[in-house]
């Protein structure tokens, strides 16, 4: 009987990290430190966006490379950003799709 190597090959593959981008209004930049304590593979850039009301506003673009984001922690971060910046949603990119939560 031949050995099935397809499952062995898939078990030895290295999982690719996912990319998550958050656009934090400047008023919530204190959250960047909290994110960096949990996810070390990240970058932060200053940018300008028109996400809230079409008016130019400074943002911190936080890019996180990870094997997955802890959803309870992520929801708490989003709630904190909404509170600090007094916004109804936070623009994010996940899985190659941009949306607001």
PDB file of N, CA and C in Angstrom:
ATOM      1  N   UNK A   1       0.849  -1.171   0.000  1.00  0.00           N
ATOM      2  CA  UNK A   1       0.000   0.000   0.000  1.00  0.00           C
ATOM      3  C   UNK A   1       0.899   1.238   0.000  1.00  0.00           C
ATOM      4  N   UNK A   2       0.629   2.166  -0.871  1.00  0.00           N
ATOM      5  CA  UNK A   2       1.435   3.386  -0.980  1.00  0.00           C
ATOM      6  C   UNK A   2       1.067   4.364   0.125  1.00  0.00           C
ATOM      7  N   UNK A   3       2.093   5.060   0.597  1.00  0.00           N
ATOM      8  CA  UNK A   3       1.877   6.053   1.656  1.00  0.00           C
ATOM      9  C   UNK A   3       1.277   7.328   1.060  1.00  0.00           C
ATOM     10  N   UNK A   4       0.284   7.868   1.706  1.00  0.00           N
ATOM     11  CA  UNK A   4      -0.338   9.122   1.244  1.00  0.00           C
ATOM     12  C   UNK A   4       0.521  10.287   1.719  1.00  0.00           C
ATOM     13  N   UNK A   5       1.255  10.915   0.796  1.00  0.00           N
ATOM     14  CA  UNK A   5       2.162  12.003   1.164  1.00  0.00           C
ATOM     15  C   UNK A   5       1.503  13.369   1.073  1.00  0.00           C
ATOM     16  N   UNK A   6       0.280  13.447   0.540  1.00  0.00           N
ATOM     17  CA  UNK A   6      -0.358  14.759   0.378  1.00  0.00           C
ATOM     18  C   UNK A   6      -0.635  15.410   1.729  1.00  0.00           C
ATOM     19  N   UNK A   7      -1.095  14.630   2.707  1.00  0.00           N
ATOM     20  CA  UNK A   7      -1.359  15.232   4.018  1.00  0.00           C
ATOM     21  C   UNK A   7      -0.054  15.541   4.740  1.00  0.00           C
ATOM     22  N   UNK A   8       0.972  14.738   4.538  1.00  0.00           N
ATOM     23  CA  UNK A   8       2.269  15.000   5.165  1.00  0.00           C
ATOM     24  C   UNK A   8       2.866  16.288   4.620  1.00  0.00           C
ATOM     25  N   UNK A   9       2.730  16.486   3.327  1.00  0.00           N
ATOM     26  CA  UNK A   9       3.265  17.706   2.719  1.00  0.00           C
ATOM     27  C   UNK A   9       2.539  18.932   3.243  1.00  0.00           C
ATOM     28  N   UNK A  10       1.222  18.822   3.380  1.00  0.00           N
ATOM     29  CA  UNK A  10       0.481  19.993   3.855  1.00  0.00           C
ATOM     30  C   UNK A  10       0.754  20.267   5.329  1.00  0.00           C
ATOM     31  N   UNK A  11       1.089  19.251   6.099  1.00  0.00           N
ATOM     32  CA  UNK A  11       1.397  19.454   7.510  1.00  0.00           C
ATOM     33  C   UNK A  11       2.756  20.107   7.705  1.00  0.00           C
ATOM     34  N   UNK A  12       3.635  20.001   6.711  1.00  0.00           N
ATOM     35  CA  UNK A  12       4.972  20.561   6.823  1.00  0.00           C
ATOM     36  C   UNK A  12       5.086  21.959   6.239  1.00  0.00           C
ATOM     37  N   UNK A  13       4.024  22.467   5.668  1.00  0.00           N
ATOM     38  CA  UNK A  13       4.086  23.799   5.073  1.00  0.00           C
ATOM     39  C   UNK A  13       4.073  24.861   6.162  1.00  0.00           C
ATOM     40  N   UNK A  14       4.688  25.959   5.851  1.00  0.00           N
ATOM     41  CA  UNK A  14       4.726  27.084   6.787  1.00  0.00           C
ATOM     42  C   UNK A  14       3.520  27.970   6.497  1.00  0.00           C
ATOM     43  N   UNK A  15       2.681  28.201   7.493  1.00  0.00           N
ATOM     44  CA  UNK A  15       1.507  29.052   7.242  1.00  0.00           C
ATOM     45  C   UNK A  15       1.935  30.490   6.961  1.00  0.00           C
ATOM     46  N   UNK A  16       1.313  31.080   5.968  1.00  0.00           N
ATOM     47  CA  UNK A  16       1.647  32.451   5.613  1.00  0.00           C
ATOM     48  C   UNK A  16       0.954  33.422   6.559  1.00  0.00           C
ATOM     49  N   UNK A  17       1.643  34.452   6.968  1.00  0.00           N
ATOM     50  CA  UNK A  17       1.003  35.438   7.856  1.00  0.00           C
ATOM     51  C   UNK A  17      -0.053  36.234   7.096  1.00  0.00           C
ATOM     52  N   UNK A  18      -1.001  36.733   7.836  1.00  0.00           N
ATOM     53  CA  UNK A  18      -2.024  37.590   7.258  1.00  0.00           C
ATOM     54  C   UNK A  18      -1.644  39.038   7.504  1.00  0.00           C
ATOM     55  N   UNK A  19      -2.156  39.898   6.677  1.00  0.00           N
ATOM     56  CA  UNK A  19      -1.882  41.321   6.758  1.00  0.00           C
ATOM     57  C   UNK A  19      -3.163  42.025   7.182  1.00  0.00           C
ATOM     58  N   UNK A  20      -3.078  42.811   8.234  1.00  0.00           N
ATOM     59  CA  UNK A  20      -4.201  43.612   8.699  1.00  0.00           C
ATOM     60  C   UNK A  20      -3.728  45.053   8.815  1.00  0.00           C
ATOM     61  N   UNK A  21      -4.479  45.980   8.224  1.00  0.00           N
ATOM     62  CA  UNK A  21      -4.130  47.400   8.277  1.00  0.00           C
ATOM     63  C   UNK A  21      -5.262  48.144   8.962  1.00  0.00           C
ATOM     64  N   UNK A  22      -4.908  48.952   9.946  1.00  0.00           N
ATOM     65  CA  UNK A  22      -5.874  49.822  10.625  1.00  0.00           C
ATOM     66  C   UNK A  22      -5.509  51.265  10.331  1.00  0.00           C
ATOM     67  N   UNK A  23      -6.490  52.082  10.043  1.00  0.00           N
ATOM     68  CA  UNK A  23      -6.268  53.516   9.863  1.00  0.00           C
ATOM     69  C   UNK A  23      -6.823  54.204  11.103  1.00  0.00           C
ATOM     70  N   UNK A  24      -5.911  54.572  12.013  1.00  0.00           N
ATOM     71  CA  UNK A  24      -6.316  55.159  13.289  1.00  0.00           C
ATOM     72  C   UNK A  24      -6.299  56.684  13.187  1.00  0.00           C
ATOM     73  N   UNK A  25      -7.414  57.336  13.504  1.00  0.00           N
ATOM     74  CA  UNK A  25      -7.376  58.799  13.568  1.00  0.00           C
ATOM     75  C   UNK A  25      -6.300  59.228  14.562  1.00  0.00           C
ATOM     76  N   UNK A  26      -5.662  60.361  14.294  1.00  0.00           N
ATOM     77  CA  UNK A  26      -4.542  60.832  15.122  1.00  0.00           C
ATOM     78  C   UNK A  26      -4.914  60.925  16.603  1.00  0.00           C
ATOM     79  N   UNK A  27      -6.168  61.195  16.898  1.00  0.00           N
ATOM     80  CA  UNK A  27      -6.595  61.307  18.307  1.00  0.00           C
ATOM     81  C   UNK A  27      -6.461  59.982  19.055  1.00  0.00           C
ATOM     82  N   UNK A  28      -6.375  58.880  18.320  1.00  0.00           N
ATOM     83  CA  UNK A  28      -6.290  57.562  18.950  1.00  0.00           C
ATOM     84  C   UNK A  28      -4.900  56.950  18.815  1.00  0.00           C
ATOM     85  N   UNK A  29      -3.878  57.770  18.551  1.00  0.00           N
ATOM     86  CA  UNK A  29      -2.546  57.211  18.326  1.00  0.00           C
ATOM     87  C   UNK A  29      -1.970  56.517  19.560  1.00  0.00           C
ATOM     88  N   UNK A  30      -2.514  56.775  20.738  1.00  0.00           N
ATOM     89  CA  UNK A  30      -2.032  56.085  21.943  1.00  0.00           C
ATOM     90  C   UNK A  30      -2.281  54.580  21.856  1.00  0.00           C
ATOM     91  N   UNK A  31      -3.205  54.153  21.010  1.00  0.00           N
ATOM     92  CA  UNK A  31      -3.513  52.734  20.842  1.00  0.00           C
ATOM     93  C   UNK A  31      -2.360  51.997  20.145  1.00  0.00           C
ATOM     94  N   UNK A  32      -1.543  52.719  19.393  1.00  0.00           N
ATOM     95  CA  UNK A  32      -0.417  52.107  18.686  1.00  0.00           C
ATOM     96  C   UNK A  32       0.489  51.374  19.668  1.00  0.00           C
ATOM     97  N   UNK A  33       0.760  51.965  20.801  1.00  0.00           N
ATOM     98  CA  UNK A  33       1.616  51.333  21.814  1.00  0.00           C
ATOM     99  C   UNK A  33       0.999  50.017  22.298  1.00  0.00           C
ATOM    100  N   UNK A  34      -0.296  50.013  22.525  1.00  0.00           N
ATOM    101  CA  UNK A  34      -0.983  48.803  22.972  1.00  0.00           C
ATOM    102  C   UNK A  34      -0.908  47.699  21.913  1.00  0.00           C
ATOM    103  N   UNK A  35      -1.063  48.073  20.657  1.00  0.00           N
ATOM    104  CA  UNK A  35      -0.963  47.096  19.574  1.00  0.00           C
ATOM    105  C   UNK A  35       0.449  46.527  19.509  1.00  0.00           C
ATOM    106  N   UNK A  36       1.457  47.379  19.657  1.00  0.00           N
ATOM    107  CA  UNK A  36       2.846  46.931  19.548  1.00  0.00           C
ATOM    108  C   UNK A  36       3.242  45.979  20.673  1.00  0.00           C
ATOM    109  N   UNK A  37       2.546  46.036  21.798  1.00  0.00           N
ATOM    110  CA  UNK A  37       2.843  45.115  22.894  1.00  0.00           C
ATOM    111  C   UNK A  37       2.364  43.704  22.587  1.00  0.00           C
ATOM    112  N   UNK A  38       1.344  43.580  21.742  1.00  0.00           N
ATOM    113  CA  UNK A  38       0.797  42.263  21.412  1.00  0.00           C
ATOM    114  C   UNK A  38       1.355  41.713  20.100  1.00  0.00           C
ATOM    115  N   UNK A  39       1.563  42.581  19.122  1.00  0.00           N
ATOM    116  CA  UNK A  39       2.035  42.157  17.799  1.00  0.00           C
ATOM    117  C   UNK A  39       3.316  42.899  17.461  1.00  0.00           C
ATOM    118  N   UNK A  40       4.437  42.177  17.448  1.00  0.00           N
ATOM    119  CA  UNK A  40       5.743  42.787  17.214  1.00  0.00           C
ATOM    120  C   UNK A  40       6.004  43.041  15.735  1.00  0.00           C
ATOM    121  N   UNK A  41       5.400  42.251  14.858  1.00  0.00           N
ATOM    122  CA  UNK A  41       5.610  42.401  13.416  1.00  0.00           C
ATOM    123  C   UNK A  41       4.629  43.421  12.867  1.00  0.00           C
ATOM    124  N   UNK A  42       4.959  44.680  13.057  1.00  0.00           N
ATOM    125  CA  UNK A  42       4.062  45.742  12.609  1.00  0.00           C
ATOM    126  C   UNK A  42       4.860  46.959  12.190  1.00  0.00           C
ATOM    127  N   UNK A  43       4.215  47.791  11.392  1.00  0.00           N
ATOM    128  CA  UNK A  43       4.799  49.073  11.021  1.00  0.00           C
ATOM    129  C   UNK A  43       3.751  50.150  11.250  1.00  0.00           C
ATOM    130  N   UNK A  44       4.229  51.381  11.423  1.00  0.00           N
ATOM    131  CA  UNK A  44       3.329  52.518  11.637  1.00  0.00           C
ATOM    132  C   UNK A  44       3.796  53.648  10.730  1.00  0.00           C
ATOM    133  N   UNK A  45       2.855  54.243  10.020  1.00  0.00           N
ATOM    134  CA  UNK A  45       3.168  55.361   9.130  1.00  0.00           C
ATOM    135  C   UNK A  45       2.159  56.478   9.354  1.00  0.00           C
ATOM    136  N   UNK A  46       2.620  57.714   9.205  1.00  0.00           N
ATOM    137  CA  UNK A  46       1.699  58.849   9.202  1.00  0.00           C
ATOM    138  C   UNK A  46       1.104  58.970   7.814  1.00  0.00           C
ATOM    139  N   UNK A  47      -0.176  59.264   7.741  1.00  0.00           N
ATOM    140  CA  UNK A  47      -0.802  59.482   6.442  1.00  0.00           C
ATOM    141  C   UNK A  47      -1.986  60.428   6.612  1.00  0.00           C
ATOM    142  N   UNK A  48      -2.526  60.854   5.503  1.00  0.00           N
ATOM    143  CA  UNK A  48      -3.715  61.695   5.507  1.00  0.00           C
ATOM    144  C   UNK A  48      -4.812  60.915   4.803  1.00  0.00           C
ATOM    145  N   UNK A  49      -6.006  60.919   5.368  1.00  0.00           N
ATOM    146  CA  UNK A  49      -7.121  60.204   4.762  1.00  0.00           C
ATOM    147  C   UNK A  49      -8.367  61.068   4.741  1.00  0.00           C
ATOM    148  N   UNK A  50      -9.335  60.605   3.986  1.00  0.00           N
ATOM    149  CA  UNK A  50     -10.615  61.294   3.844  1.00  0.00           C
ATOM    150  C   UNK A  50     -11.748  60.366   4.276  1.00  0.00           C
ATOM    151  N   UNK A  51     -11.448  59.478   5.222  1.00  0.00           N
ATOM    152  CA  UNK A  51     -12.386  58.428   5.620  1.00  0.00           C
ATOM    153  C   UNK A  51     -13.628  58.951   6.329  1.00  0.00           C
ATOM    154  N   UNK A  52     -13.491  59.911   7.172  1.00  0.00           N
ATOM    155  CA  UNK A  52     -14.611  60.380   7.992  1.00  0.00           C
ATOM    156  C   UNK A  52     -15.128  61.711   7.467  1.00  0.00           C
ATOM    157  N   UNK A  53     -16.201  61.638   6.695  1.00  0.00           N
ATOM    158  CA  UNK A  53     -16.847  62.848   6.192  1.00  0.00           C
ATOM    159  C   UNK A  53     -16.173  63.489   5.000  1.00  0.00           C
ATOM    160  N   UNK A  54     -15.196  62.834   4.386  1.00  0.00           N
ATOM    161  CA  UNK A  54     -14.541  63.381   3.214  1.00  0.00           C
ATOM    162  C   UNK A  54     -13.643  64.570   3.494  1.00  0.00           C
ATOM    163  N   UNK A  55     -13.377  64.828   4.769  1.00  0.00           N
ATOM    164  CA  UNK A  55     -12.522  65.946   5.162  1.00  0.00           C
ATOM    165  C   UNK A  55     -11.119  65.398   5.444  1.00  0.00           C
ATOM    166  N   UNK A  56     -10.055  66.045   4.922  1.00  0.00           N
ATOM    167  CA  UNK A  56      -8.711  65.533   5.194  1.00  0.00           C
ATOM    168  C   UNK A  56      -8.419  65.522   6.694  1.00  0.00           C
ATOM    169  N   UNK A  57      -7.807  64.417   7.134  1.00  0.00           N
ATOM    170  CA  UNK A  57      -7.548  64.238   8.562  1.00  0.00           C
ATOM    171  C   UNK A  57      -6.284  63.403   8.713  1.00  0.00           C
ATOM    172  N   UNK A  58      -5.469  63.691   9.713  1.00  0.00           N
ATOM    173  CA  UNK A  58      -4.265  62.867   9.915  1.00  0.00           C
ATOM    174  C   UNK A  58      -4.621  61.508  10.529  1.00  0.00           C
ATOM    175  N   UNK A  59      -3.970  60.469  10.013  1.00  0.00           N
ATOM    176  CA  UNK A  59      -4.169  59.104  10.489  1.00  0.00           C
ATOM    177  C   UNK A  59      -2.825  58.463  10.765  1.00  0.00           C
ATOM    178  N   UNK A  60      -2.854  57.397  11.544  1.00  0.00           N
ATOM    179  CA  UNK A  60      -1.704  56.517  11.739  1.00  0.00           C
ATOM    180  C   UNK A  60      -2.085  55.197  11.064  1.00  0.00           C
ATOM    181  N   UNK A  61      -1.357  54.838  10.026  1.00  0.00           N
ATOM    182  CA  UNK A  61      -1.598  53.576   9.322  1.00  0.00           C
ATOM    183  C   UNK A  61      -0.789  52.497  10.027  1.00  0.00           C
ATOM    184  N   UNK A  62      -1.477  51.557  10.669  1.00  0.00           N
ATOM    185  CA  UNK A  62      -0.826  50.483  11.411  1.00  0.00           C
ATOM    186  C   UNK A  62      -0.989  49.196  10.613  1.00  0.00           C
ATOM    187  N   UNK A  63       0.134  48.627  10.188  1.00  0.00           N
ATOM    188  CA  UNK A  63       0.134  47.381   9.428  1.00  0.00           C
ATOM    189  C   UNK A  63       0.659  46.275  10.317  1.00  0.00           C
ATOM    190  N   UNK A  64      -0.143  45.224  10.492  1.00  0.00           N
ATOM    191  CA  UNK A  64       0.217  44.101  11.363  1.00  0.00           C
ATOM    192  C   UNK A  64       0.340  42.837  10.517  1.00  0.00           C
ATOM    193  N   UNK A  65       1.505  42.174  10.620  1.00  0.00           N
ATOM    194  CA  UNK A  65       1.694  40.856  10.013  1.00  0.00           C
ATOM    195  C   UNK A  65       1.567  39.844  11.133  1.00  0.00           C
ATOM    196  N   UNK A  66       0.642  38.892  10.999  1.00  0.00           N
ATOM    197  CA  UNK A  66       0.470  37.907  12.059  1.00  0.00           C
ATOM    198  C   UNK A  66      -0.112  36.622  11.488  1.00  0.00           C
ATOM    199  N   UNK A  67      -0.122  35.604  12.304  1.00  0.00           N
ATOM    200  CA  UNK A  67      -0.747  34.332  11.929  1.00  0.00           C
ATOM    201  C   UNK A  67      -2.246  34.378  12.202  1.00  0.00           C
ATOM    202  N   UNK A  68      -2.727  35.489  12.693  1.00  0.00           N
ATOM    203  CA  UNK A  68      -4.145  35.673  13.012  1.00  0.00           C
ATOM    204  C   UNK A  68      -4.272  36.674  14.136  1.00  0.00           C
ATOM    205  N   UNK A  69      -5.346  37.402  14.130  1.00  0.00           N
ATOM    206  CA  UNK A  69      -5.591  38.431  15.147  1.00  0.00           C
ATOM    207  C   UNK A  69      -6.611  37.888  16.149  1.00  0.00           C
ATOM    208  N   UNK A  70      -6.312  38.060  17.417  1.00  0.00           N
ATOM    209  CA  UNK A  70      -7.226  37.675  18.494  1.00  0.00           C
ATOM    210  C   UNK A  70      -8.473  38.552  18.398  1.00  0.00           C
ATOM    211  N   UNK A  71      -9.624  37.955  18.097  1.00  0.00           N
ATOM    212  CA  UNK A  71     -10.834  38.746  17.807  1.00  0.00           C
ATOM    213  C   UNK A  71     -11.357  39.518  19.020  1.00  0.00           C
ATOM    214  N   UNK A  72     -11.306  38.952  20.210  1.00  0.00           N
ATOM    215  CA  UNK A  72     -11.770  39.690  21.393  1.00  0.00           C
ATOM    216  C   UNK A  72     -10.882  40.904  21.653  1.00  0.00           C
ATOM    217  N   UNK A  73      -9.580  40.699  21.560  1.00  0.00           N
ATOM    218  CA  UNK A  73      -8.633  41.796  21.741  1.00  0.00           C
ATOM    219  C   UNK A  73      -8.856  42.856  20.664  1.00  0.00           C
ATOM    220  N   UNK A  74      -9.023  42.424  19.402  1.00  0.00           N
ATOM    221  CA  UNK A  74      -9.207  43.344  18.287  1.00  0.00           C
ATOM    222  C   UNK A  74     -10.475  44.179  18.474  1.00  0.00           C
ATOM    223  N   UNK A  75     -11.559  43.552  18.896  1.00  0.00           N
ATOM    224  CA  UNK A  75     -12.804  44.286  19.139  1.00  0.00           C
ATOM    225  C   UNK A  75     -12.628  45.334  20.236  1.00  0.00           C
ATOM    226  N   UNK A  76     -11.846  45.013  21.261  1.00  0.00           N
ATOM    227  CA  UNK A  76     -11.582  45.976  22.335  1.00  0.00           C
ATOM    228  C   UNK A  76     -10.755  47.148  21.812  1.00  0.00           C
ATOM    229  N   UNK A  77      -9.779  46.867  20.952  1.00  0.00           N
ATOM    230  CA  UNK A  77      -8.957  47.927  20.349  1.00  0.00           C
ATOM    231  C   UNK A  77      -9.840  48.855  19.514  1.00  0.00           C
ATOM    232  N   UNK A  78     -10.699  48.283  18.692  1.00  0.00           N
ATOM    233  CA  UNK A  78     -11.585  49.085  17.833  1.00  0.00           C
ATOM    234  C   UNK A  78     -12.502  49.951  18.688  1.00  0.00           C
ATOM    235  N   UNK A  79     -13.064  49.390  19.754  1.00  0.00           N
ATOM    236  CA  UNK A  79     -13.931  50.165  20.647  1.00  0.00           C
ATOM    237  C   UNK A  79     -13.162  51.311  21.285  1.00  0.00           C
ATOM    238  N   UNK A  80     -11.922  51.065  21.672  1.00  0.00           N
ATOM    239  CA  UNK A  80     -11.084  52.099  22.276  1.00  0.00           C
ATOM    240  C   UNK A  80     -10.794  53.223  21.273  1.00  0.00           C
ATOM    241  N   UNK A  81     -10.481  52.853  20.030  1.00  0.00           N
ATOM    242  CA  UNK A  81     -10.215  53.849  18.982  1.00  0.00           C
ATOM    243  C   UNK A  81     -11.456  54.707  18.742  1.00  0.00           C
ATOM    244  N   UNK A  82     -12.606  54.072  18.647  1.00  0.00           N
ATOM    245  CA  UNK A  82     -13.862  54.815  18.423  1.00  0.00           C
ATOM    246  C   UNK A  82     -14.108  55.816  19.548  1.00  0.00           C
ATOM    247  N   UNK A  83     -13.832  55.392  20.763  1.00  0.00           N
ATOM    248  CA  UNK A  83     -14.042  56.261  21.923  1.00  0.00           C
ATOM    249  C   UNK A  83     -13.052  57.425  21.938  1.00  0.00           C
ATOM    250  N   UNK A  84     -11.769  57.126  21.735  1.00  0.00           N
ATOM    251  CA  UNK A  84     -10.739  58.165  21.781  1.00  0.00           C
ATOM    252  C   UNK A  84     -10.886  59.200  20.663  1.00  0.00           C
ATOM    253  N   UNK A  85     -11.242  58.730  19.463  1.00  0.00           N
ATOM    254  CA  UNK A  85     -11.307  59.621  18.305  1.00  0.00           C
ATOM    255  C   UNK A  85     -12.719  60.154  18.059  1.00  0.00           C
ATOM    256  N   UNK A  86     -13.681  59.674  18.848  1.00  0.00           N
ATOM    257  CA  UNK A  86     -15.073  60.092  18.693  1.00  0.00           C
ATOM    258  C   UNK A  86     -15.563  59.868  17.256  1.00  0.00           C
ATOM    259  N   UNK A  87     -15.346  58.630  16.757  1.00  0.00           N
ATOM    260  CA  UNK A  87     -15.798  58.242  15.428  1.00  0.00           C
ATOM    261  C   UNK A  87     -16.728  57.033  15.543  1.00  0.00           C
ATOM    262  N   UNK A  88     -17.537  56.827  14.512  1.00  0.00           N
ATOM    263  CA  UNK A  88     -18.489  55.717  14.519  1.00  0.00           C
ATOM    264  C   UNK A  88     -17.913  54.434  13.937  1.00  0.00           C
ATOM    265  N   UNK A  89     -16.817  54.547  13.183  1.00  0.00           N
ATOM    266  CA  UNK A  89     -16.213  53.363  12.571  1.00  0.00           C
ATOM    267  C   UNK A  89     -14.712  53.583  12.396  1.00  0.00           C
ATOM    268  N   UNK A  90     -14.008  52.462  12.192  1.00  0.00           N
ATOM    269  CA  UNK A  90     -12.567  52.492  11.964  1.00  0.00           C
ATOM    270  C   UNK A  90     -12.308  51.776  10.637  1.00  0.00           C
ATOM    271  N   UNK A  91     -11.656  52.433   9.664  1.00  0.00           N
ATOM    272  CA  UNK A  91     -11.334  51.767   8.403  1.00  0.00           C
ATOM    273  C   UNK A  91     -10.205  50.757   8.598  1.00  0.00           C
ATOM    274  N   UNK A  92     -10.415  49.546   8.065  1.00  0.00           N
ATOM    275  CA  UNK A  92      -9.381  48.517   8.140  1.00  0.00           C
ATOM    276  C   UNK A  92      -9.293  47.793   6.801  1.00  0.00           C
ATOM    277  N   UNK A  93      -8.163  47.135   6.595  1.00  0.00           N
ATOM    278  CA  UNK A  93      -7.982  46.244   5.457  1.00  0.00           C
ATOM    279  C   UNK A  93      -7.628  44.886   6.035  1.00  0.00           C
ATOM    280  N   UNK A  94      -8.381  43.877   5.630  1.00  0.00           N
ATOM    281  CA  UNK A  94      -8.115  42.519   6.078  1.00  0.00           C
ATOM    282  C   UNK A  94      -8.489  41.573   4.947  1.00  0.00           C
ATOM    283  N   UNK A  95      -7.627  40.615   4.670  1.00  0.00           N
ATOM    284  CA  UNK A  95      -7.888  39.697   3.584  1.00  0.00           C
ATOM    285  C   UNK A  95      -7.935  40.368   2.226  1.00  0.00           C
ATOM    286  N   UNK A  96      -7.262  41.498   2.097  1.00  0.00           N
ATOM    287  CA  UNK A  96      -7.230  42.217   0.831  1.00  0.00           C
ATOM    288  C   UNK A  96      -8.464  43.058   0.557  1.00  0.00           C
ATOM    289  N   UNK A  97      -9.361  43.151   1.530  1.00  0.00           N
ATOM    290  CA  UNK A  97     -10.595  43.920   1.360  1.00  0.00           C
ATOM    291  C   UNK A  97     -10.623  45.043   2.374  1.00  0.00           C
ATOM    292  N   UNK A  98     -10.951  46.254   1.924  1.00  0.00           N
ATOM    293  CA  UNK A  98     -11.067  47.387   2.830  1.00  0.00           C
ATOM    294  C   UNK A  98     -12.523  47.532   3.255  1.00  0.00           C
ATOM    295  N   UNK A  99     -12.725  47.686   4.544  1.00  0.00           N
ATOM    296  CA  UNK A  99     -14.062  47.933   5.071  1.00  0.00           C
ATOM    297  C   UNK A  99     -13.962  48.685   6.376  1.00  0.00           C
ATOM    298  N   UNK A 100     -15.091  49.076   6.917  1.00  0.00           N
ATOM    299  CA  UNK A 100     -15.127  49.824   8.175  1.00  0.00           C
ATOM    300  C   UNK A 100     -15.885  49.028   9.212  1.00  0.00           C
ATOM    301  N   UNK A 101     -15.365  49.041  10.433  1.00  0.00           N
ATOM    302  CA  UNK A 101     -16.064  48.333  11.521  1.00  0.00           C
ATOM    303  C   UNK A 101     -16.257  49.274  12.687  1.00  0.00           C
TER     304      UNK A 101
END
